[in-house]
Amino acid sequence: MLERTARYAVEVCWFDDRERPRPWMAAVPSLHLTGPAGGPRVVRGVIAGTRL
C-alpha cells in the first residue's frame, strides 16, 4: 500500500468498512468506516494521517 499510495500524483485517503481495520491502514492515510449493510457509512476513526 505504501508503494501504491506513493505513485499517485494527488493526495489519497483509503477507506475500509470491514469490522476490523486492515494492517496496512496504519501505514497510509486511511479512514475506518462503519454503518449498517446497505446503509450510509460514517467514519469510525482516522487510522493514519501521514499525508492528509
PDB file of N, CA and C in Angstrom:
ATOM      1  N   MET A   1       0.812  -1.181   0.000  1.00  0.00           N
ATOM      2  CA  MET A   1       0.000   0.000   0.000  1.00  0.00           C
ATOM      3  C   MET A   1       0.859   1.250   0.000  1.00  0.00           C
ATOM      4  N   LEU A   2       1.999   1.209   0.691  1.00  0.00           N
ATOM      5  CA  LEU A   2       2.874   2.386   0.703  1.00  0.00           C
ATOM      6  C   LEU A   2       3.344   2.738  -0.707  1.00  0.00           C
ATOM      7  N   GLU A   3       3.814   1.726  -1.458  1.00  0.00           N
ATOM      8  CA  GLU A   3       4.291   1.980  -2.820  1.00  0.00           C
ATOM      9  C   GLU A   3       3.147   2.458  -3.714  1.00  0.00           C
ATOM     10  N   ARG A   4       2.008   1.833  -3.589  1.00  0.00           N
ATOM     11  CA  ARG A   4       0.866   2.221  -4.422  1.00  0.00           C
ATOM     12  C   ARG A   4       0.428   3.641  -4.099  1.00  0.00           C
ATOM     13  N   THR A   5       0.360   3.992  -2.839  1.00  0.00           N
ATOM     14  CA  THR A   5      -0.030   5.339  -2.440  1.00  0.00           C
ATOM     15  C   THR A   5       0.966   6.368  -2.954  1.00  0.00           C
ATOM     16  N   ALA A   6       2.253   6.050  -2.892  1.00  0.00           N
ATOM     17  CA  ALA A   6       3.294   6.981  -3.327  1.00  0.00           C
ATOM     18  C   ALA A   6       3.233   7.263  -4.833  1.00  0.00           C
ATOM     19  N   ARG A   7       2.698   6.335  -5.622  1.00  0.00           N
ATOM     20  CA  ARG A   7       2.629   6.518  -7.081  1.00  0.00           C
ATOM     21  C   ARG A   7       1.575   7.527  -7.513  1.00  0.00           C
ATOM     22  N   TYR A   8       0.592   7.797  -6.690  1.00  0.00           N
ATOM     23  CA  TYR A   8      -0.472   8.719  -7.088  1.00  0.00           C
ATOM     24  C   TYR A   8       0.043  10.155  -7.096  1.00  0.00           C
ATOM     25  N   ALA A   9      -0.396  10.921  -8.106  1.00  0.00           N
ATOM     26  CA  ALA A   9       0.027  12.319  -8.232  1.00  0.00           C
ATOM     27  C   ALA A   9      -0.820  13.243  -7.362  1.00  0.00           C
ATOM     28  N   VAL A  10      -1.877  12.742  -6.800  1.00  0.00           N
ATOM     29  CA  VAL A  10      -2.755  13.520  -5.932  1.00  0.00           C
ATOM     30  C   VAL A  10      -2.729  12.900  -4.536  1.00  0.00           C
ATOM     31  N   GLU A  11      -3.159  13.668  -3.560  1.00  0.00           N
ATOM     32  CA  GLU A  11      -3.261  13.124  -2.209  1.00  0.00           C
ATOM     33  C   GLU A  11      -4.378  12.080  -2.180  1.00  0.00           C
ATOM     34  N   VAL A  12      -4.129  10.987  -1.507  1.00  0.00           N
ATOM     35  CA  VAL A  12      -5.127   9.929  -1.429  1.00  0.00           C
ATOM     36  C   VAL A  12      -5.454   9.619   0.020  1.00  0.00           C
ATOM     37  N   CYS A  13      -6.616   9.048   0.201  1.00  0.00           N
ATOM     38  CA  CYS A  13      -7.028   8.544   1.502  1.00  0.00           C
ATOM     39  C   CYS A  13      -7.793   7.256   1.233  1.00  0.00           C
ATOM     40  N   TRP A  14      -7.388   6.180   1.873  1.00  0.00           N
ATOM     41  CA  TRP A  14      -8.029   4.887   1.697  1.00  0.00           C
ATOM     42  C   TRP A  14      -9.167   4.743   2.692  1.00  0.00           C
ATOM     43  N   PHE A  15     -10.229   4.068   2.261  1.00  0.00           N
ATOM     44  CA  PHE A  15     -11.391   3.816   3.102  1.00  0.00           C
ATOM     45  C   PHE A  15     -11.592   2.315   3.230  1.00  0.00           C
ATOM     46  N   ASP A  16     -11.992   1.864   4.420  1.00  0.00           N
ATOM     47  CA  ASP A  16     -12.273   0.447   4.615  1.00  0.00           C
ATOM     48  C   ASP A  16     -13.457   0.329   5.573  1.00  0.00           C
ATOM     49  N   ASP A  17     -14.374  -0.588   5.267  1.00  0.00           N
ATOM     50  CA  ASP A  17     -15.540  -0.748   6.130  1.00  0.00           C
ATOM     51  C   ASP A  17     -15.655  -2.145   6.730  1.00  0.00           C
ATOM     52  N   ARG A  18     -14.556  -2.877   6.750  1.00  0.00           N
ATOM     53  CA  ARG A  18     -14.578  -4.183   7.407  1.00  0.00           C
ATOM     54  C   ARG A  18     -14.681  -3.993   8.916  1.00  0.00           C
ATOM     55  N   GLU A  19     -15.118  -5.022   9.601  1.00  0.00           N
ATOM     56  CA  GLU A  19     -15.306  -4.924  11.052  1.00  0.00           C
ATOM     57  C   GLU A  19     -14.018  -4.532  11.769  1.00  0.00           C
ATOM     58  N   ARG A  20     -12.915  -5.170  11.382  1.00  0.00           N
ATOM     59  CA  ARG A  20     -11.615  -4.835  11.981  1.00  0.00           C
ATOM     60  C   ARG A  20     -10.762  -4.102  10.959  1.00  0.00           C
ATOM     61  N   PRO A  21     -10.040  -3.082  11.391  1.00  0.00           N
ATOM     62  CA  PRO A  21      -9.143  -2.376  10.456  1.00  0.00           C
ATOM     63  C   PRO A  21      -8.087  -3.326   9.887  1.00  0.00           C
ATOM     64  N   ARG A  22      -7.733  -3.119   8.647  1.00  0.00           N
ATOM     65  CA  ARG A  22      -6.698  -3.919   7.988  1.00  0.00           C
ATOM     66  C   ARG A  22      -5.319  -3.446   8.459  1.00  0.00           C
ATOM     67  N   PRO A  23      -4.309  -4.331   8.486  1.00  0.00           N
ATOM     68  CA  PRO A  23      -2.970  -3.950   8.959  1.00  0.00           C
ATOM     69  C   PRO A  23      -2.349  -2.773   8.209  1.00  0.00           C
ATOM     70  N   TRP A  24      -2.589  -2.689   6.910  1.00  0.00           N
ATOM     71  CA  TRP A  24      -1.982  -1.611   6.120  1.00  0.00           C
ATOM     72  C   TRP A  24      -2.552  -0.240   6.462  1.00  0.00           C
ATOM     73  N   MET A  25      -3.676  -0.195   7.144  1.00  0.00           N
ATOM     74  CA  MET A  25      -4.305   1.095   7.440  1.00  0.00           C
ATOM     75  C   MET A  25      -3.456   1.968   8.355  1.00  0.00           C
ATOM     76  N   ALA A  26      -2.566   1.386   9.117  1.00  0.00           N
ATOM     77  CA  ALA A  26      -1.697   2.166   9.996  1.00  0.00           C
ATOM     78  C   ALA A  26      -0.535   2.798   9.239  1.00  0.00           C
ATOM     79  N   ALA A  27      -0.327   2.394   7.990  1.00  0.00           N
ATOM     80  CA  ALA A  27       0.824   2.867   7.231  1.00  0.00           C
ATOM     81  C   ALA A  27       0.487   3.926   6.187  1.00  0.00           C
ATOM     82  N   VAL A  28      -0.781   4.072   5.840  1.00  0.00           N
ATOM     83  CA  VAL A  28      -1.187   5.031   4.814  1.00  0.00           C
ATOM     84  C   VAL A  28      -2.355   5.857   5.334  1.00  0.00           C
ATOM     85  N   PRO A  29      -2.594   7.042   4.770  1.00  0.00           N
ATOM     86  CA  PRO A  29      -3.752   7.837   5.191  1.00  0.00           C
ATOM     87  C   PRO A  29      -5.031   7.031   4.948  1.00  0.00           C
ATOM     88  N   SER A  30      -5.795   6.798   5.995  1.00  0.00           N
ATOM     89  CA  SER A  30      -6.979   5.964   5.841  1.00  0.00           C
ATOM     90  C   SER A  30      -8.044   6.291   6.876  1.00  0.00           C
ATOM     91  N   LEU A  31      -9.274   5.948   6.515  1.00  0.00           N
ATOM     92  CA  LEU A  31     -10.414   6.137   7.398  1.00  0.00           C
ATOM     93  C   LEU A  31     -11.125   4.797   7.560  1.00  0.00           C
ATOM     94  N   HIS A  32     -11.519   4.486   8.766  1.00  0.00           N
ATOM     95  CA  HIS A  32     -12.264   3.270   9.048  1.00  0.00           C
ATOM     96  C   HIS A  32     -13.730   3.652   9.160  1.00  0.00           C
ATOM     97  N   LEU A  33     -14.574   3.035   8.327  1.00  0.00           N
ATOM     98  CA  LEU A  33     -15.986   3.384   8.262  1.00  0.00           C
ATOM     99  C   LEU A  33     -16.849   2.334   8.941  1.00  0.00           C
ATOM    100  N   THR A  34     -18.027   2.730   9.365  1.00  0.00           N
ATOM    101  CA  THR A  34     -18.985   1.810   9.958  1.00  0.00           C
ATOM    102  C   THR A  34     -20.385   2.210   9.526  1.00  0.00           C
ATOM    103  N   GLY A  35     -21.310   1.293   9.635  1.00  0.00           N
ATOM    104  CA  GLY A  35     -22.701   1.578   9.295  1.00  0.00           C
ATOM    105  C   GLY A  35     -23.409   0.293   8.927  1.00  0.00           C
ATOM    106  N   PRO A  36     -24.721   0.339   8.842  1.00  0.00           N
ATOM    107  CA  PRO A  36     -25.491  -0.862   8.523  1.00  0.00           C
ATOM    108  C   PRO A  36     -25.268  -1.311   7.079  1.00  0.00           C
ATOM    109  N   ALA A  37     -25.390  -2.612   6.835  1.00  0.00           N
ATOM    110  CA  ALA A  37     -25.248  -3.142   5.479  1.00  0.00           C
ATOM    111  C   ALA A  37     -26.267  -2.474   4.567  1.00  0.00           C
ATOM    112  N   GLY A  38     -25.816  -1.928   3.474  1.00  0.00           N
ATOM    113  CA  GLY A  38     -26.689  -1.259   2.527  1.00  0.00           C
ATOM    114  C   GLY A  38     -27.093   0.143   2.939  1.00  0.00           C
ATOM    115  N   GLY A  39     -26.640   0.584   4.096  1.00  0.00           N
ATOM    116  CA  GLY A  39     -26.990   1.913   4.585  1.00  0.00           C
ATOM    117  C   GLY A  39     -25.837   2.876   4.472  1.00  0.00           C
ATOM    118  N   PRO A  40     -26.024   4.084   4.945  1.00  0.00           N
ATOM    119  CA  PRO A  40     -24.944   5.081   4.886  1.00  0.00           C
ATOM    120  C   PRO A  40     -23.791   4.702   5.812  1.00  0.00           C
ATOM    121  N   ARG A  41     -22.605   5.061   5.423  1.00  0.00           N
ATOM    122  CA  ARG A  41     -21.405   4.793   6.216  1.00  0.00           C
ATOM    123  C   ARG A  41     -20.994   6.072   6.929  1.00  0.00           C
ATOM    124  N   VAL A  42     -20.421   5.918   8.107  1.00  0.00           N
ATOM    125  CA  VAL A  42     -19.873   7.040   8.855  1.00  0.00           C
ATOM    126  C   VAL A  42     -18.445   6.692   9.259  1.00  0.00           C
ATOM    127  N   VAL A  43     -17.646   7.707   9.504  1.00  0.00           N
ATOM    128  CA  VAL A  43     -16.253   7.483   9.898  1.00  0.00           C
ATOM    129  C   VAL A  43     -16.213   6.966  11.324  1.00  0.00           C
ATOM    130  N   ARG A  44     -15.614   5.799  11.493  1.00  0.00           N
ATOM    131  CA  ARG A  44     -15.413   5.224  12.823  1.00  0.00           C
ATOM    132  C   ARG A  44     -14.142   5.790  13.433  1.00  0.00           C
ATOM    133  N   GLY A  45     -13.126   5.986  12.611  1.00  0.00           N
ATOM    134  CA  GLY A  45     -11.879   6.521  13.126  1.00  0.00           C
ATOM    135  C   GLY A  45     -10.869   6.788  12.037  1.00  0.00           C
ATOM    136  N   VAL A  46      -9.984   7.719  12.317  1.00  0.00           N
ATOM    137  CA  VAL A  46      -8.866   8.003  11.431  1.00  0.00           C
ATOM    138  C   VAL A  46      -7.731   7.098  11.882  1.00  0.00           C
ATOM    139  N   ILE A  47      -7.259   6.254  10.997  1.00  0.00           N
ATOM    140  CA  ILE A  47      -6.213   5.304  11.359  1.00  0.00           C
ATOM    141  C   ILE A  47      -4.833   5.922  11.182  1.00  0.00           C
ATOM    142  N   ALA A  48      -4.609   6.611  10.084  1.00  0.00           N
ATOM    143  CA  ALA A  48      -3.322   7.245   9.827  1.00  0.00           C
ATOM    144  C   ALA A  48      -3.555   8.552   9.090  1.00  0.00           C
ATOM    145  N   GLY A  49      -2.767   9.527   9.349  1.00  0.00           N
ATOM    146  CA  GLY A  49      -2.945  10.806   8.675  1.00  0.00           C
ATOM    147  C   GLY A  49      -1.637  11.375   8.208  1.00  0.00           C
ATOM    148  N   THR A  50      -0.718  10.534   7.761  1.00  0.00           N
ATOM    149  CA  THR A  50       0.630  10.969   7.441  1.00  0.00           C
ATOM    150  C   THR A  50       0.709  11.930   6.262  1.00  0.00           C
ATOM    151  N   ARG A  51      -0.251  11.844   5.326  1.00  0.00           N
ATOM    152  CA  ARG A  51      -0.184  12.702   4.145  1.00  0.00           C
ATOM    153  C   ARG A  51      -1.404  13.583   4.005  1.00  0.00           C
ATOM    154  N   LEU A  52      -2.326  13.564   4.940  1.00  0.00           N
ATOM    155  CA  LEU A  52      -3.532  14.371   4.813  1.00  0.00           C
ATOM    156  C   LEU A  52      -3.282  15.791   5.244  1.00  0.00           C
TER     157      LEU A  52
END
